[in-house]
PDB file of N, CA and C in Angstrom:
ATOM      1  N   MET A   1    -198.948 -12.433-226.903  1.00  0.00           N
ATOM      2  CA  MET A   1    -197.744 -11.672-227.179  1.00  0.00           C
ATOM      3  C   MET A   1    -196.775 -11.831-226.016  1.00  0.00           C
ATOM      4  N   THR A   2    -195.486 -11.920-226.323  1.00  0.00           N
ATOM      5  CA  THR A   2    -194.456 -12.109-225.316  1.00  0.00           C
ATOM      6  C   THR A   2    -194.053 -10.779-224.688  1.00  0.00           C
ATOM      7  N   ASP A   3    -193.828 -10.788-223.381  1.00  0.00           N
ATOM      8  CA  ASP A   3    -193.359  -9.595-222.677  1.00  0.00           C
ATOM      9  C   ASP A   3    -191.869  -9.422-222.948  1.00  0.00           C
ATOM     10  N   THR A   4    -191.484  -8.331-223.609  1.00  0.00           N
ATOM     11  CA  THR A   4    -190.086  -8.114-223.974  1.00  0.00           C
ATOM     12  C   THR A   4    -189.351  -7.191-223.015  1.00  0.00           C
ATOM     13  N   THR A   5    -189.962  -6.791-221.925  1.00  0.00           N
ATOM     14  CA  THR A   5    -189.334  -5.827-221.026  1.00  0.00           C
ATOM     15  C   THR A   5    -188.136  -6.418-220.284  1.00  0.00           C
ATOM     16  N   GLN A   6    -187.965  -7.731-220.249  1.00  0.00           N
ATOM     17  CA  GLN A   6    -186.839  -8.346-219.560  1.00  0.00           C
ATOM     18  C   GLN A   6    -185.665  -8.612-220.494  1.00  0.00           C
ATOM     19  N   CYS A   7    -185.819  -8.394-221.770  1.00  0.00           N
ATOM     20  CA  CYS A   7    -184.794  -8.692-222.770  1.00  0.00           C
ATOM     21  C   CYS A   7    -184.101  -7.399-223.196  1.00  0.00           C
ATOM     22  N   ALA A   8    -182.825  -7.243-222.820  1.00  0.00           N
ATOM     23  CA  ALA A   8    -182.094  -6.021-223.163  1.00  0.00           C
ATOM     24  C   ALA A   8    -181.986  -5.848-224.671  1.00  0.00           C
ATOM     25  N   SER A   9    -181.741  -6.930-225.393  1.00  0.00           N
ATOM     26  CA  SER A   9    -181.647  -6.838-226.852  1.00  0.00           C
ATOM     27  C   SER A   9    -182.960  -6.363-227.452  1.00  0.00           C
ATOM     28  N   CYS A  10    -184.066  -6.865-226.944  1.00  0.00           N
ATOM     29  CA  CYS A  10    -185.383  -6.452-227.433  1.00  0.00           C
ATOM     30  C   CYS A  10    -185.630  -4.975-227.155  1.00  0.00           C
ATOM     31  N   GLU A  11    -185.187  -4.501-226.004  1.00  0.00           N
ATOM     32  CA  GLU A  11    -185.343  -3.094-225.651  1.00  0.00           C
ATOM     33  C   GLU A  11    -184.506  -2.207-226.574  1.00  0.00           C
ATOM     34  N   ILE A  12    -183.310  -2.666-226.949  1.00  0.00           N
ATOM     35  CA  ILE A  12    -182.463  -1.911-227.875  1.00  0.00           C
ATOM     36  C   ILE A  12    -183.109  -1.865-229.245  1.00  0.00           C
ATOM     37  N   VAL A  13    -183.590  -3.002-229.726  1.00  0.00           N
ATOM     38  CA  VAL A  13    -184.253  -3.064-231.035  1.00  0.00           C
ATOM     39  C   VAL A  13    -185.466  -2.143-231.056  1.00  0.00           C
ATOM     40  N   ALA A  14    -186.206  -2.089-229.953  1.00  0.00           N
ATOM     41  CA  ALA A  14    -187.399  -1.247-229.868  1.00  0.00           C
ATOM     42  C   ALA A  14    -187.053   0.237-229.694  1.00  0.00           C
ATOM     43  N   GLY A  15    -185.777   0.543-229.442  1.00  0.00           N
ATOM     44  CA  GLY A  15    -185.359   1.928-229.276  1.00  0.00           C
ATOM     45  C   GLY A  15    -185.536   2.469-227.879  1.00  0.00           C
ATOM     46  N   ARG A  16    -185.823   1.608-226.905  1.00  0.00           N
ATOM     47  CA  ARG A  16    -186.028   2.055-225.526  1.00  0.00           C
ATOM     48  C   ARG A  16    -184.748   2.074-224.703  1.00  0.00           C
ATOM     49  N   LEU A  17    -183.675   1.434-225.193  1.00  0.00           N
ATOM     50  CA  LEU A  17    -182.368   1.485-224.549  1.00  0.00           C
ATOM     51  C   LEU A  17    -181.358   1.987-225.575  1.00  0.00           C
ATOM     52  N   PRO A  18    -180.379   2.768-225.130  1.00  0.00           N
ATOM     53  CA  PRO A  18    -179.364   3.257-226.066  1.00  0.00           C
ATOM     54  C   PRO A  18    -178.378   2.154-226.428  1.00  0.00           C
ATOM     55  N   ALA A  19    -177.758   2.271-227.595  1.00  0.00           N
ATOM     56  CA  ALA A  19    -176.742   1.318-228.023  1.00  0.00           C
ATOM     57  C   ALA A  19    -175.819   1.981-229.034  1.00  0.00           C
ATOM     58  N   ALA A  20    -174.589   1.498-229.090  1.00  0.00           N
ATOM     59  CA  ALA A  20    -173.636   1.946-230.103  1.00  0.00           C
ATOM     60  C   ALA A  20    -173.862   1.073-231.335  1.00  0.00           C
ATOM     61  N   LYS A  21    -174.725   1.546-232.238  1.00  0.00           N
ATOM     62  CA  LYS A  21    -175.100   0.756-233.415  1.00  0.00           C
ATOM     63  C   LYS A  21    -173.995   0.769-234.457  1.00  0.00           C
ATOM     64  N   LEU A  22    -173.688  -0.413-234.983  1.00  0.00           N
ATOM     65  CA  LEU A  22    -172.699  -0.557-236.036  1.00  0.00           C
ATOM     66  C   LEU A  22    -173.355  -0.659-237.403  1.00  0.00           C
ATOM     67  N   PHE A  23    -174.538  -1.289-237.436  1.00  0.00           N
ATOM     68  CA  PHE A  23    -175.277  -1.477-238.680  1.00  0.00           C
ATOM     69  C   PHE A  23    -176.740  -1.655-238.331  1.00  0.00           C
ATOM     70  N   ASP A  24    -177.611  -1.076-239.140  1.00  0.00           N
ATOM     71  CA  ASP A  24    -179.044  -1.172-238.878  1.00  0.00           C
ATOM     72  C   ASP A  24    -179.793  -1.077-240.199  1.00  0.00           C
ATOM     73  N   ASP A  25    -180.527  -2.135-240.550  1.00  0.00           N
ATOM     74  CA  ASP A  25    -181.411  -2.081-241.711  1.00  0.00           C
ATOM     75  C   ASP A  25    -182.710  -2.790-241.352  1.00  0.00           C
ATOM     76  N   GLU A  26    -183.538  -3.108-242.328  1.00  0.00           N
ATOM     77  CA  GLU A  26    -184.840  -3.710-242.037  1.00  0.00           C
ATOM     78  C   GLU A  26    -184.754  -5.150-241.552  1.00  0.00           C
ATOM     79  N   VAL A  27    -183.577  -5.790-241.660  1.00  0.00           N
ATOM     80  CA  VAL A  27    -183.424  -7.195-241.270  1.00  0.00           C
ATOM     81  C   VAL A  27    -182.450  -7.380-240.108  1.00  0.00           C
ATOM     82  N   VAL A  28    -181.390  -6.574-240.056  1.00  0.00           N
ATOM     83  CA  VAL A  28    -180.294  -6.790-239.111  1.00  0.00           C
ATOM     84  C   VAL A  28    -180.025  -5.532-238.296  1.00  0.00           C
ATOM     85  N   LEU A  29    -179.731  -5.729-237.025  1.00  0.00           N
ATOM     86  CA  LEU A  29    -179.228  -4.661-236.166  1.00  0.00           C
ATOM     87  C   LEU A  29    -177.992  -5.207-235.464  1.00  0.00           C
ATOM     88  N   ALA A  30    -176.858  -4.579-235.665  1.00  0.00           N
ATOM     89  CA  ALA A  30    -175.611  -4.969-234.999  1.00  0.00           C
ATOM     90  C   ALA A  30    -175.165  -3.812-234.120  1.00  0.00           C
ATOM     91  N   PHE A  31    -174.795  -4.121-232.880  1.00  0.00           N
ATOM     92  CA  PHE A  31    -174.360  -3.081-231.955  1.00  0.00           C
ATOM     93  C   PHE A  31    -173.265  -3.634-231.064  1.00  0.00           C
ATOM     94  N   LEU A  32    -172.474  -2.725-230.466  1.00  0.00           N
ATOM     95  CA  LEU A  32    -171.395  -3.149-229.589  1.00  0.00           C
ATOM     96  C   LEU A  32    -171.959  -3.801-228.333  1.00  0.00           C
ATOM     97  N   ASP A  33    -171.318  -4.879-227.912  1.00  0.00           N
ATOM     98  CA  ASP A  33    -171.734  -5.622-226.724  1.00  0.00           C
ATOM     99  C   ASP A  33    -171.421  -4.808-225.469  1.00  0.00           C
ATOM    100  N   ILE A  34    -172.287  -4.871-224.465  1.00  0.00           N
ATOM    101  CA  ILE A  34    -172.086  -4.125-223.222  1.00  0.00           C
ATOM    102  C   ILE A  34    -170.953  -4.718-222.379  1.00  0.00           C
ATOM    103  N   ALA A  35    -170.679  -6.014-222.541  1.00  0.00           N
ATOM    104  CA  ALA A  35    -169.600  -6.691-221.821  1.00  0.00           C
ATOM    105  C   ALA A  35    -168.735  -7.436-222.837  1.00  0.00           C
ATOM    106  N   PRO A  36    -167.919  -6.694-223.596  1.00  0.00           N
ATOM    107  CA  PRO A  36    -167.176  -7.315-224.685  1.00  0.00           C
ATOM    108  C   PRO A  36    -166.121  -8.311-224.210  1.00  0.00           C
ATOM    109  N   VAL A  37    -165.976  -9.406-224.943  1.00  0.00           N
ATOM    110  CA  VAL A  37    -164.936 -10.392-224.679  1.00  0.00           C
ATOM    111  C   VAL A  37    -163.596  -9.808-225.115  1.00  0.00           C
ATOM    112  N   ARG A  38    -163.622  -9.114-226.238  1.00  0.00           N
ATOM    113  CA  ARG A  38    -162.444  -8.422-226.782  1.00  0.00           C
ATOM    114  C   ARG A  38    -162.903  -7.095-227.370  1.00  0.00           C
ATOM    115  N   ALA A  39    -161.968  -6.217-227.609  1.00  0.00           N
ATOM    116  CA  ALA A  39    -162.288  -4.922-228.218  1.00  0.00           C
ATOM    117  C   ALA A  39    -163.005  -5.140-229.549  1.00  0.00           C
ATOM    118  N   GLY A  40    -164.122  -4.460-229.750  1.00  0.00           N
ATOM    119  CA  GLY A  40    -164.872  -4.583-230.987  1.00  0.00           C
ATOM    120  C   GLY A  40    -165.916  -5.680-230.989  1.00  0.00           C
ATOM    121  N   HIS A  41    -166.070  -6.401-229.883  1.00  0.00           N
ATOM    122  CA  HIS A  41    -167.069  -7.470-229.790  1.00  0.00           C
ATOM    123  C   HIS A  41    -168.455  -6.888-230.037  1.00  0.00           C
ATOM    124  N   ALA A  42    -169.154  -7.460-230.989  1.00  0.00           N
ATOM    125  CA  ALA A  42    -170.471  -6.943-231.379  1.00  0.00           C
ATOM    126  C   ALA A  42    -171.547  -7.984-231.143  1.00  0.00           C
ATOM    127  N   PHE A  43    -172.788  -7.538-231.053  1.00  0.00           N
ATOM    128  CA  PHE A  43    -173.966  -8.374-230.887  1.00  0.00           C
ATOM    129  C   PHE A  43    -174.857  -8.153-232.086  1.00  0.00           C
ATOM    130  N   ARG A  44    -175.397  -9.237-232.628  1.00  0.00           N
ATOM    131  CA  ARG A  44    -176.257  -9.130-233.817  1.00  0.00           C
ATOM    132  C   ARG A  44    -177.623  -9.698-233.484  1.00  0.00           C
ATOM    133  N   THR A  45    -178.679  -8.978-233.853  1.00  0.00           N
ATOM    134  CA  THR A  45    -180.035  -9.492-233.681  1.00  0.00           C
ATOM    135  C   THR A  45    -180.674  -9.683-235.031  1.00  0.00           C
TER     136      THR A  45
END
């Protein structure tokens, strides 16, 4: 098993880090990027 403690996205998906979630279902999690390029820049896992 891979150690996910170094991956911020993995920590957000696991619920161990807070995030401004835009969409969340059984397949996709989209949240606002911590360092946005432009207003509204989102990250999708």
